[in-house]
Amino acid sequence: MDGVVLFLLSVVPIVLVPLGFAWAVTRARRRGLGGSIVGPFQEMWDPGGARSRIEIEIQAEQEAPAPSPGDPPSDPAWDGRSDR
């Protein structure tokens, strides 16, 4: 009986910890929280991927530049003709 309990106490954490990480990563990716949970691990094992992920996040958060005063409107229906 003691051998079974000792076996379970040593094997169960080895199995449950990776399963917990896999569950957390899957949940984070589904909810769009991947950078906050997976980010530190990605920085350890794939620094180049982490840098590119950070660059993509920076570009996604940037606002579009404001048009200059002389620029035509960016309406796709407007083609520059004023006879409409």
PDB file of N, CA and C in Angstrom:
ATOM      1  N   MET A   1       0.823  -1.187   0.000  1.00  0.00           N
ATOM      2  CA  MET A   1       0.000   0.000   0.000  1.00  0.00           C
ATOM      3  C   MET A   1       0.872   1.257   0.000  1.00  0.00           C
ATOM      4  N   ASP A   2       1.939   1.262   0.795  1.00  0.00           N
ATOM      5  CA  ASP A   2       2.826   2.426   0.839  1.00  0.00           C
ATOM      6  C   ASP A   2       3.512   2.651  -0.504  1.00  0.00           C
ATOM      7  N   GLY A   3       3.822   1.560  -1.197  1.00  0.00           N
ATOM      8  CA  GLY A   3       4.468   1.678  -2.504  1.00  0.00           C
ATOM      9  C   GLY A   3       3.550   2.324  -3.537  1.00  0.00           C
ATOM     10  N   VAL A   4       2.258   2.005  -3.483  1.00  0.00           N
ATOM     11  CA  VAL A   4       1.293   2.576  -4.424  1.00  0.00           C
ATOM     12  C   VAL A   4       1.136   4.068  -4.160  1.00  0.00           C
ATOM     13  N   VAL A   5       1.026   4.454  -2.899  1.00  0.00           N
ATOM     14  CA  VAL A   5       0.870   5.867  -2.544  1.00  0.00           C
ATOM     15  C   VAL A   5       2.125   6.643  -2.948  1.00  0.00           C
ATOM     16  N   LEU A   6       3.285   6.091  -2.680  1.00  0.00           N
ATOM     17  CA  LEU A   6       4.535   6.747  -3.059  1.00  0.00           C
ATOM     18  C   LEU A   6       4.638   6.879  -4.582  1.00  0.00           C
ATOM     19  N   PHE A   7       4.224   5.846  -5.293  1.00  0.00           N
ATOM     20  CA  PHE A   7       4.237   5.887  -6.750  1.00  0.00           C
ATOM     21  C   PHE A   7       3.296   6.976  -7.259  1.00  0.00           C
ATOM     22  N   LEU A   8       2.091   7.027  -6.698  1.00  0.00           N
ATOM     23  CA  LEU A   8       1.134   8.040  -7.133  1.00  0.00           C
ATOM     24  C   LEU A   8       1.608   9.456  -6.802  1.00  0.00           C
ATOM     25  N   LEU A   9       2.219   9.614  -5.638  1.00  0.00           N
ATOM     26  CA  LEU A   9       2.726  10.930  -5.250  1.00  0.00           C
ATOM     27  C   LEU A   9       3.893  11.382  -6.123  1.00  0.00           C
ATOM     28  N   SER A  10       4.590  10.459  -6.720  1.00  0.00           N
ATOM     29  CA  SER A  10       5.712  10.839  -7.571  1.00  0.00           C
ATOM     30  C   SER A  10       5.323  10.947  -9.045  1.00  0.00           C
ATOM     31  N   VAL A  11       4.370  10.160  -9.509  1.00  0.00           N
ATOM     32  CA  VAL A  11       4.020  10.155 -10.927  1.00  0.00           C
ATOM     33  C   VAL A  11       2.913  11.160 -11.253  1.00  0.00           C
ATOM     34  N   VAL A  12       1.941  11.310 -10.391  1.00  0.00           N
ATOM     35  CA  VAL A  12       0.809  12.191 -10.675  1.00  0.00           C
ATOM     36  C   VAL A  12       1.263  13.643 -10.919  1.00  0.00           C
ATOM     37  N   PRO A  13       2.134  14.226 -10.097  1.00  0.00           N
ATOM     38  CA  PRO A  13       2.572  15.599 -10.400  1.00  0.00           C
ATOM     39  C   PRO A  13       3.330  15.696 -11.728  1.00  0.00           C
ATOM     40  N   ILE A  14       4.082  14.653 -12.060  1.00  0.00           N
ATOM     41  CA  ILE A  14       4.827  14.674 -13.316  1.00  0.00           C
ATOM     42  C   ILE A  14       3.872  14.688 -14.505  1.00  0.00           C
ATOM     43  N   VAL A  15       2.735  14.080 -14.374  1.00  0.00           N
ATOM     44  CA  VAL A  15       1.738  14.042 -15.445  1.00  0.00           C
ATOM     45  C   VAL A  15       0.853  15.292 -15.406  1.00  0.00           C
ATOM     46  N   LEU A  16       0.449  15.722 -14.219  1.00  0.00           N
ATOM     47  CA  LEU A  16      -0.504  16.824 -14.121  1.00  0.00           C
ATOM     48  C   LEU A  16       0.098  18.195 -14.433  1.00  0.00           C
ATOM     49  N   VAL A  17       1.350  18.416 -14.117  1.00  0.00           N
ATOM     50  CA  VAL A  17       1.953  19.727 -14.371  1.00  0.00           C
ATOM     51  C   VAL A  17       2.006  20.032 -15.870  1.00  0.00           C
ATOM     52  N   PRO A  18       2.533  19.138 -16.717  1.00  0.00           N
ATOM     53  CA  PRO A  18       2.497  19.439 -18.157  1.00  0.00           C
ATOM     54  C   PRO A  18       1.076  19.551 -18.712  1.00  0.00           C
ATOM     55  N   LEU A  19       0.158  18.738 -18.209  1.00  0.00           N
ATOM     56  CA  LEU A  19      -1.228  18.847 -18.653  1.00  0.00           C
ATOM     57  C   LEU A  19      -1.818  20.202 -18.255  1.00  0.00           C
ATOM     58  N   GLY A  20      -1.465  20.668 -17.076  1.00  0.00           N
ATOM     59  CA  GLY A  20      -1.927  21.993 -16.646  1.00  0.00           C
ATOM     60  C   GLY A  20      -1.376  23.098 -17.527  1.00  0.00           C
ATOM     61  N   PHE A  21      -0.090  23.009 -17.886  1.00  0.00           N
ATOM     62  CA  PHE A  21       0.495  24.004 -18.792  1.00  0.00           C
ATOM     63  C   PHE A  21      -0.176  23.948 -20.163  1.00  0.00           C
ATOM     64  N   ALA A  22      -0.417  22.739 -20.671  1.00  0.00           N
ATOM     65  CA  ALA A  22      -1.068  22.596 -21.974  1.00  0.00           C
ATOM     66  C   ALA A  22      -2.467  23.190 -21.936  1.00  0.00           C
ATOM     67  N   TRP A  23      -3.198  22.954 -20.865  1.00  0.00           N
ATOM     68  CA  TRP A  23      -4.539  23.510 -20.717  1.00  0.00           C
ATOM     69  C   TRP A  23      -4.484  25.037 -20.670  1.00  0.00           C
ATOM     70  N   ALA A  24      -3.535  25.588 -19.903  1.00  0.00           N
ATOM     71  CA  ALA A  24      -3.417  27.043 -19.777  1.00  0.00           C
ATOM     72  C   ALA A  24      -3.066  27.682 -21.119  1.00  0.00           C
ATOM     73  N   VAL A  25      -2.171  27.059 -21.870  1.00  0.00           N
ATOM     74  CA  VAL A  25      -1.786  27.599 -23.171  1.00  0.00           C
ATOM     75  C   VAL A  25      -2.961  27.552 -24.137  1.00  0.00           C
ATOM     76  N   THR A  26      -3.679  26.448 -24.158  1.00  0.00           N
ATOM     77  CA  THR A  26      -4.829  26.316 -25.052  1.00  0.00           C
ATOM     78  C   THR A  26      -5.903  27.347 -24.702  1.00  0.00           C
ATOM     79  N   ARG A  27      -6.154  27.515 -23.439  1.00  0.00           N
ATOM     80  CA  ARG A  27      -7.160  28.487 -23.000  1.00  0.00           C
ATOM     81  C   ARG A  27      -6.730  29.912 -23.337  1.00  0.00           C
ATOM     82  N   ALA A  28      -5.451  30.205 -23.141  1.00  0.00           N
ATOM     83  CA  ALA A  28      -4.945  31.547 -23.435  1.00  0.00           C
ATOM     84  C   ALA A  28      -5.025  31.846 -24.925  1.00  0.00           C
ATOM     85  N   ARG A  29      -4.715  30.873 -25.757  1.00  0.00           N
ATOM     86  CA  ARG A  29      -4.777  31.102 -27.201  1.00  0.00           C
ATOM     87  C   ARG A  29      -6.214  31.310 -27.667  1.00  0.00           C
ATOM     88  N   ARG A  30      -7.146  30.553 -27.099  1.00  0.00           N
ATOM     89  CA  ARG A  30      -8.547  30.711 -27.480  1.00  0.00           C
ATOM     90  C   ARG A  30      -9.082  32.076 -27.079  1.00  0.00           C
ATOM     91  N   ARG A  31      -8.652  32.577 -25.948  1.00  0.00           N
ATOM     92  CA  ARG A  31      -9.151  33.859 -25.451  1.00  0.00           C
ATOM     93  C   ARG A  31      -8.307  35.038 -25.914  1.00  0.00           C
ATOM     94  N   GLY A  32      -7.225  34.785 -26.613  1.00  0.00           N
ATOM     95  CA  GLY A  32      -6.373  35.875 -27.080  1.00  0.00           C
ATOM     96  C   GLY A  32      -5.444  36.413 -26.014  1.00  0.00           C
ATOM     97  N   LEU A  33      -5.134  35.623 -25.014  1.00  0.00           N
ATOM     98  CA  LEU A  33      -4.243  36.061 -23.939  1.00  0.00           C
ATOM     99  C   LEU A  33      -2.871  35.417 -24.057  1.00  0.00           C
ATOM    100  N   GLY A  34      -2.520  34.956 -25.228  1.00  0.00           N
ATOM    101  CA  GLY A  34      -1.299  34.181 -25.410  1.00  0.00           C
ATOM    102  C   GLY A  34      -0.035  34.891 -24.967  1.00  0.00           C
ATOM    103  N   GLY A  35       0.061  36.182 -25.217  1.00  0.00           N
ATOM    104  CA  GLY A  35       1.279  36.893 -24.876  1.00  0.00           C
ATOM    105  C   GLY A  35       1.539  36.970 -23.388  1.00  0.00           C
ATOM    106  N   SER A  36       0.494  37.072 -22.599  1.00  0.00           N
ATOM    107  CA  SER A  36       0.699  37.235 -21.165  1.00  0.00           C
ATOM    108  C   SER A  36       1.077  35.939 -20.474  1.00  0.00           C
ATOM    109  N   ILE A  37       0.586  34.818 -20.953  1.00  0.00           N
ATOM    110  CA  ILE A  37       0.881  33.550 -20.294  1.00  0.00           C
ATOM    111  C   ILE A  37       2.055  32.838 -20.949  1.00  0.00           C
ATOM    112  N   VAL A  38       2.072  32.807 -22.267  1.00  0.00           N
ATOM    113  CA  VAL A  38       3.088  32.054 -22.987  1.00  0.00           C
ATOM    114  C   VAL A  38       4.347  32.893 -23.199  1.00  0.00           C
ATOM    115  N   GLY A  39       4.248  34.211 -23.083  1.00  0.00           N
ATOM    116  CA  GLY A  39       5.357  35.110 -23.363  1.00  0.00           C
ATOM    117  C   GLY A  39       6.658  34.786 -22.634  1.00  0.00           C
ATOM    118  N   PRO A  40       6.646  34.602 -21.318  1.00  0.00           N
ATOM    119  CA  PRO A  40       7.907  34.296 -20.630  1.00  0.00           C
ATOM    120  C   PRO A  40       8.543  32.990 -21.092  1.00  0.00           C
ATOM    121  N   PHE A  41       7.739  31.984 -21.374  1.00  0.00           N
ATOM    122  CA  PHE A  41       8.289  30.714 -21.836  1.00  0.00           C
ATOM    123  C   PHE A  41       8.833  30.851 -23.255  1.00  0.00           C
ATOM    124  N   GLN A  42       8.156  31.649 -24.078  1.00  0.00           N
ATOM    125  CA  GLN A  42       8.632  31.854 -25.436  1.00  0.00           C
ATOM    126  C   GLN A  42       9.944  32.626 -25.426  1.00  0.00           C
ATOM    127  N   GLU A  43      10.094  33.575 -24.512  1.00  0.00           N
ATOM    128  CA  GLU A  43      11.341  34.321 -24.424  1.00  0.00           C
ATOM    129  C   GLU A  43      12.505  33.425 -24.010  1.00  0.00           C
ATOM    130  N   MET A  44      12.230  32.419 -23.181  1.00  0.00           N
ATOM    131  CA  MET A  44      13.301  31.510 -22.753  1.00  0.00           C
ATOM    132  C   MET A  44      13.726  30.583 -23.876  1.00  0.00           C
ATOM    133  N   TRP A  45      12.763  29.991 -24.579  1.00  0.00           N
ATOM    134  CA  TRP A  45      13.090  28.940 -25.537  1.00  0.00           C
ATOM    135  C   TRP A  45      13.156  29.421 -26.974  1.00  0.00           C
ATOM    136  N   ASP A  46      12.566  30.573 -27.289  1.00  0.00           N
ATOM    137  CA  ASP A  46      12.582  31.075 -28.657  1.00  0.00           C
ATOM    138  C   ASP A  46      12.660  32.602 -28.629  1.00  0.00           C
ATOM    139  N   PRO A  47      13.845  33.148 -28.327  1.00  0.00           N
ATOM    140  CA  PRO A  47      13.957  34.605 -28.201  1.00  0.00           C
ATOM    141  C   PRO A  47      13.620  35.352 -29.492  1.00  0.00           C
ATOM    142  N   GLY A  48      13.963  34.776 -30.642  1.00  0.00           N
ATOM    143  CA  GLY A  48      13.634  35.429 -31.906  1.00  0.00           C
ATOM    144  C   GLY A  48      12.137  35.511 -32.124  1.00  0.00           C
ATOM    145  N   GLY A  49      11.435  34.439 -31.776  1.00  0.00           N
ATOM    146  CA  GLY A  49       9.978  34.438 -31.894  1.00  0.00           C
ATOM    147  C   GLY A  49       9.340  35.434 -30.945  1.00  0.00           C
ATOM    148  N   ALA A  50       9.918  35.576 -29.763  1.00  0.00           N
ATOM    149  CA  ALA A  50       9.385  36.534 -28.789  1.00  0.00           C
ATOM    150  C   ALA A  50       9.559  37.956 -29.293  1.00  0.00           C
ATOM    151  N   ARG A  51      10.720  38.238 -29.888  1.00  0.00           N
ATOM    152  CA  ARG A  51      10.943  39.593 -30.425  1.00  0.00           C
ATOM    153  C   ARG A  51       9.978  39.901 -31.561  1.00  0.00           C
ATOM    154  N   SER A  52       9.756  38.931 -32.432  1.00  0.00           N
ATOM    155  CA  SER A  52       8.825  39.184 -33.543  1.00  0.00           C
ATOM    156  C   SER A  52       7.389  39.326 -33.027  1.00  0.00           C
ATOM    157  N   ARG A  53       7.013  38.570 -31.998  1.00  0.00           N
ATOM    158  CA  ARG A  53       5.673  38.700 -31.408  1.00  0.00           C
ATOM    159  C   ARG A  53       5.486  40.088 -30.814  1.00  0.00           C
ATOM    160  N   ILE A  54       6.515  40.597 -30.140  1.00  0.00           N
ATOM    161  CA  ILE A  54       6.443  41.937 -29.553  1.00  0.00           C
ATOM    162  C   ILE A  54       6.317  42.982 -30.655  1.00  0.00           C
ATOM    163  N   GLU A  55       7.080  42.816 -31.742  1.00  0.00           N
ATOM    164  CA  GLU A  55       7.006  43.760 -32.857  1.00  0.00           C
ATOM    165  C   GLU A  55       5.623  43.747 -33.504  1.00  0.00           C
ATOM    166  N   ILE A  56       5.031  42.568 -33.645  1.00  0.00           N
ATOM    167  CA  ILE A  56       3.685  42.466 -34.222  1.00  0.00           C
ATOM    168  C   ILE A  56       2.670  43.148 -33.319  1.00  0.00           C
ATOM    169  N   GLU A  57       2.797  42.974 -32.004  1.00  0.00           N
ATOM    170  CA  GLU A  57       1.873  43.631 -31.074  1.00  0.00           C
ATOM    171  C   GLU A  57       2.012  45.147 -31.146  1.00  0.00           C
ATOM    172  N   ILE A  58       3.244  45.641 -31.277  1.00  0.00           N
ATOM    173  CA  ILE A  58       3.466  47.087 -31.368  1.00  0.00           C
ATOM    174  C   ILE A  58       2.825  47.635 -32.636  1.00  0.00           C
ATOM    175  N   GLN A  59       3.012  46.947 -33.764  1.00  0.00           N
ATOM    176  CA  GLN A  59       2.435  47.415 -35.019  1.00  0.00           C
ATOM    177  C   GLN A  59       0.913  47.349 -34.991  1.00  0.00           C
ATOM    178  N   ALA A  60       0.352  46.352 -34.328  1.00  0.00           N
ATOM    179  CA  ALA A  60      -1.107  46.225 -34.259  1.00  0.00           C
ATOM    180  C   ALA A  60      -1.731  47.330 -33.412  1.00  0.00           C
ATOM    181  N   GLU A  61      -0.992  47.844 -32.444  1.00  0.00           N
ATOM    182  CA  GLU A  61      -1.529  48.879 -31.558  1.00  0.00           C
ATOM    183  C   GLU A  61      -1.332  50.284 -32.103  1.00  0.00           C
ATOM    184  N   GLN A  62      -0.535  50.449 -33.159  1.00  0.00           N
ATOM    185  CA  GLN A  62      -0.294  51.779 -33.703  1.00  0.00           C
ATOM    186  C   GLN A  62      -1.533  52.283 -34.428  1.00  0.00           C
ATOM    187  N   GLU A  63      -1.765  53.580 -34.299  1.00  0.00           N
ATOM    188  CA  GLU A  63      -2.890  54.201 -34.970  1.00  0.00           C
ATOM    189  C   GLU A  63      -2.500  54.527 -36.409  1.00  0.00           C
ATOM    190  N   ALA A  64      -3.493  54.586 -37.269  1.00  0.00           N
ATOM    191  CA  ALA A  64      -3.247  54.973 -38.650  1.00  0.00           C
ATOM    192  C   ALA A  64      -2.875  56.453 -38.688  1.00  0.00           C
ATOM    193  N   PRO A  65      -1.967  56.825 -39.575  1.00  0.00           N
ATOM    194  CA  PRO A  65      -1.583  58.243 -39.632  1.00  0.00           C
ATOM    195  C   PRO A  65      -2.741  59.101 -40.128  1.00  0.00           C
ATOM    196  N   ALA A  66      -2.808  60.290 -39.596  1.00  0.00           N
ATOM    197  CA  ALA A  66      -3.863  61.221 -40.007  1.00  0.00           C
ATOM    198  C   ALA A  66      -3.550  61.725 -41.415  1.00  0.00           C
ATOM    199  N   PRO A  67      -4.569  61.913 -42.235  1.00  0.00           N
ATOM    200  CA  PRO A  67      -4.316  62.409 -43.592  1.00  0.00           C
ATOM    201  C   PRO A  67      -3.869  63.868 -43.565  1.00  0.00           C
ATOM    202  N   SER A  68      -3.092  64.246 -44.554  1.00  0.00           N
ATOM    203  CA  SER A  68      -2.665  65.632 -44.686  1.00  0.00           C
ATOM    204  C   SER A  68      -3.852  66.484 -45.120  1.00  0.00           C
ATOM    205  N   PRO A  69      -3.810  67.779 -44.871  1.00  0.00           N
ATOM    206  CA  PRO A  69      -4.955  68.625 -45.226  1.00  0.00           C
ATOM    207  C   PRO A  69      -5.305  68.591 -46.718  1.00  0.00           C
ATOM    208  N   GLY A  70      -4.358  68.388 -47.614  1.00  0.00           N
ATOM    209  CA  GLY A  70      -4.639  68.407 -49.049  1.00  0.00           C
ATOM    210  C   GLY A  70      -4.991  67.047 -49.624  1.00  0.00           C
ATOM    211  N   ASP A  71      -4.947  65.990 -48.825  1.00  0.00           N
ATOM    212  CA  ASP A  71      -5.226  64.642 -49.326  1.00  0.00           C
ATOM    213  C   ASP A  71      -6.713  64.470 -49.609  1.00  0.00           C
ATOM    214  N   PRO A  72      -7.039  63.706 -50.680  1.00  0.00           N
ATOM    215  CA  PRO A  72      -8.460  63.429 -50.934  1.00  0.00           C
ATOM    216  C   PRO A  72      -9.006  62.470 -49.882  1.00  0.00           C
ATOM    217  N   PRO A  73     -10.311  62.414 -49.732  1.00  0.00           N
ATOM    218  CA  PRO A  73     -10.900  61.487 -48.752  1.00  0.00           C
ATOM    219  C   PRO A  73     -10.546  60.041 -49.107  1.00  0.00           C
ATOM    220  N   SER A  74     -10.506  59.184 -48.110  1.00  0.00           N
ATOM    221  CA  SER A  74     -10.137  57.787 -48.342  1.00  0.00           C
ATOM    222  C   SER A  74     -11.362  56.906 -48.525  1.00  0.00           C
ATOM    223  N   ASP A  75     -12.488  57.509 -48.886  1.00  0.00           N
ATOM    224  CA  ASP A  75     -13.709  56.746 -49.125  1.00  0.00           C
ATOM    225  C   ASP A  75     -13.541  55.939 -50.410  1.00  0.00           C
ATOM    226  N   PRO A  76     -13.708  54.594 -50.352  1.00  0.00           N
ATOM    227  CA  PRO A  76     -13.511  53.796 -51.561  1.00  0.00           C
ATOM    228  C   PRO A  76     -14.518  54.117 -52.660  1.00  0.00           C
ATOM    229  N   ALA A  77     -15.686  54.667 -52.330  1.00  0.00           N
ATOM    230  CA  ALA A  77     -16.676  55.013 -53.345  1.00  0.00           C
ATOM    231  C   ALA A  77     -16.296  56.294 -54.073  1.00  0.00           C
ATOM    232  N   TRP A  78     -15.443  57.092 -53.482  1.00  0.00           N
ATOM    233  CA  TRP A  78     -15.027  58.353 -54.083  1.00  0.00           C
ATOM    234  C   TRP A  78     -13.834  58.085 -54.971  1.00  0.00           C
ATOM    235  N   ASP A  79     -13.938  58.416 -56.254  1.00  0.00           N
ATOM    236  CA  ASP A  79     -12.840  58.149 -57.169  1.00  0.00           C
ATOM    237  C   ASP A  79     -12.213  59.410 -57.716  1.00  0.00           C
ATOM    238  N   GLY A  80     -12.476  60.528 -57.108  1.00  0.00           N
ATOM    239  CA  GLY A  80     -11.834  61.779 -57.514  1.00  0.00           C
ATOM    240  C   GLY A  80     -12.691  62.623 -58.444  1.00  0.00           C
ATOM    241  N   ARG A  81     -13.785  62.101 -58.961  1.00  0.00           N
ATOM    242  CA  ARG A  81     -14.638  62.884 -59.844  1.00  0.00           C
ATOM    243  C   ARG A  81     -15.628  63.684 -58.997  1.00  0.00           C
ATOM    244  N   SER A  82     -15.874  64.911 -59.399  1.00  0.00           N
ATOM    245  CA  SER A  82     -16.798  65.745 -58.631  1.00  0.00           C
ATOM    246  C   SER A  82     -18.151  65.868 -59.310  1.00  0.00           C
ATOM    247  N   ASP A  83     -18.456  65.055 -60.323  1.00  0.00           N
ATOM    248  CA  ASP A  83     -19.728  65.151 -61.034  1.00  0.00           C
ATOM    249  C   ASP A  83     -20.818  64.278 -60.426  1.00  0.00           C
ATOM    250  N   ARG A  84     -20.675  63.789 -59.282  1.00  0.00           N
ATOM    251  CA  ARG A  84     -21.693  62.937 -58.653  1.00  0.00           C
ATOM    252  C   ARG A  84     -22.645  63.736 -57.846  1.00  0.00           C
TER     253      ARG A  84
END
